[in-house]
Amino acid sequence: MADLADNALAVIERHLTQSLARHRLPEAQTSADECADCGEEIPAARRAAAPWSETCIDCQSLRERRQHHVR
């Protein structure tokens, strides 16, 4: 018979698995060839490292700085 610790562990594992599934990055999604903000080509190394990227590194940095100031 399962005790309270076993039941708690099962609940924690289920919640962790669900949380990770919700936050998993889309592996099959490919990035655009051009930056959505400036229109310049996104370097192949960035596309390989971050296949979900829509912006070049400079524009992404600018987006993050702006977002940080808005909070």
Protein backbone atom coordinates (compact mmCIF):
# COMPACT_ATOMS: atom_id res chain seq x y z
CA MET A 1 0.00 0.00 0.00
CA ALA A 2 1.35 3.41 -0.97
CA ASP A 3 2.09 5.82 1.82
CA LEU A 4 1.74 9.61 1.82
CA ALA A 5 5.29 10.15 0.60
CA ASP A 6 4.73 7.88 -2.42
CA ASN A 7 1.48 9.67 -3.27
CA ALA A 8 3.13 13.08 -2.90
CA LEU A 9 6.00 12.04 -5.15
CA ALA A 10 3.58 10.81 -7.81
CA VAL A 11 1.70 14.14 -7.74
CA ILE A 12 4.95 16.12 -7.95
CA GLU A 13 6.21 14.04 -10.88
CA ARG A 14 2.90 14.44 -12.73
CA HIS A 15 2.91 18.22 -12.26
CA LEU A 16 6.56 18.49 -13.29
CA THR A 17 5.96 16.44 -16.43
CA GLN A 18 2.95 18.58 -17.37
CA SER A 19 4.85 21.80 -16.72
CA LEU A 20 7.80 20.71 -18.83
CA ALA A 21 5.49 19.66 -21.65
CA ARG A 22 3.83 23.09 -21.66
CA HIS A 23 7.16 24.91 -21.76
CA ARG A 24 9.00 22.67 -24.18
CA LEU A 25 10.45 24.63 -27.08
CA PRO A 26 9.15 23.72 -30.53
CA GLU A 27 11.89 21.51 -31.98
CA ALA A 28 10.40 21.13 -35.44
CA GLN A 29 9.79 24.83 -35.94
CA THR A 30 12.35 26.56 -38.12
CA SER A 31 13.25 30.20 -37.92
CA ALA A 32 12.86 32.76 -40.62
CA ASP A 33 15.76 33.64 -42.88
CA GLU A 34 15.19 37.35 -42.33
CA CYS A 35 14.78 39.30 -39.10
CA ALA A 36 11.17 40.24 -38.41
CA ASP A 37 12.26 43.67 -37.12
CA CYS A 38 15.05 44.92 -39.38
CA GLY A 39 14.77 42.63 -42.41
CA GLU A 40 18.46 41.65 -42.34
CA GLU A 41 19.44 38.03 -42.78
CA ILE A 42 19.58 36.00 -39.57
CA PRO A 43 23.00 34.30 -39.43
CA ALA A 44 22.96 30.53 -39.95
CA ALA A 45 24.68 29.98 -36.59
CA ARG A 46 21.83 31.76 -34.79
CA ARG A 47 19.21 29.81 -36.73
CA ALA A 48 20.99 26.58 -35.78
CA ALA A 49 21.35 27.55 -32.11
CA ALA A 50 17.84 29.01 -31.77
CA PRO A 51 15.63 27.50 -34.47
CA TRP A 52 12.57 29.33 -33.11
CA SER A 53 14.17 32.77 -33.52
CA GLU A 54 12.37 35.42 -35.52
CA THR A 55 14.93 38.18 -35.05
CA CYS A 56 18.65 38.77 -35.38
CA ILE A 57 20.71 39.01 -32.21
CA ASP A 58 20.79 42.82 -32.22
CA CYS A 59 17.03 43.18 -32.59
CA GLN A 60 16.36 40.47 -29.99
CA SER A 61 18.63 42.29 -27.55
CA LEU A 62 16.74 45.51 -28.22
CA ARG A 63 13.39 43.75 -27.67
CA GLU A 64 14.60 42.36 -24.35
CA ARG A 65 15.91 45.75 -23.17
CA ARG A 66 12.60 47.38 -24.06
CA GLN A 67 10.64 44.63 -22.33
CA HIS A 68 12.78 44.99 -19.22
CA HIS A 69 12.07 48.73 -19.04
CA VAL A 70 8.31 48.22 -19.48
CA ARG A 71 8.00 45.96 -16.45
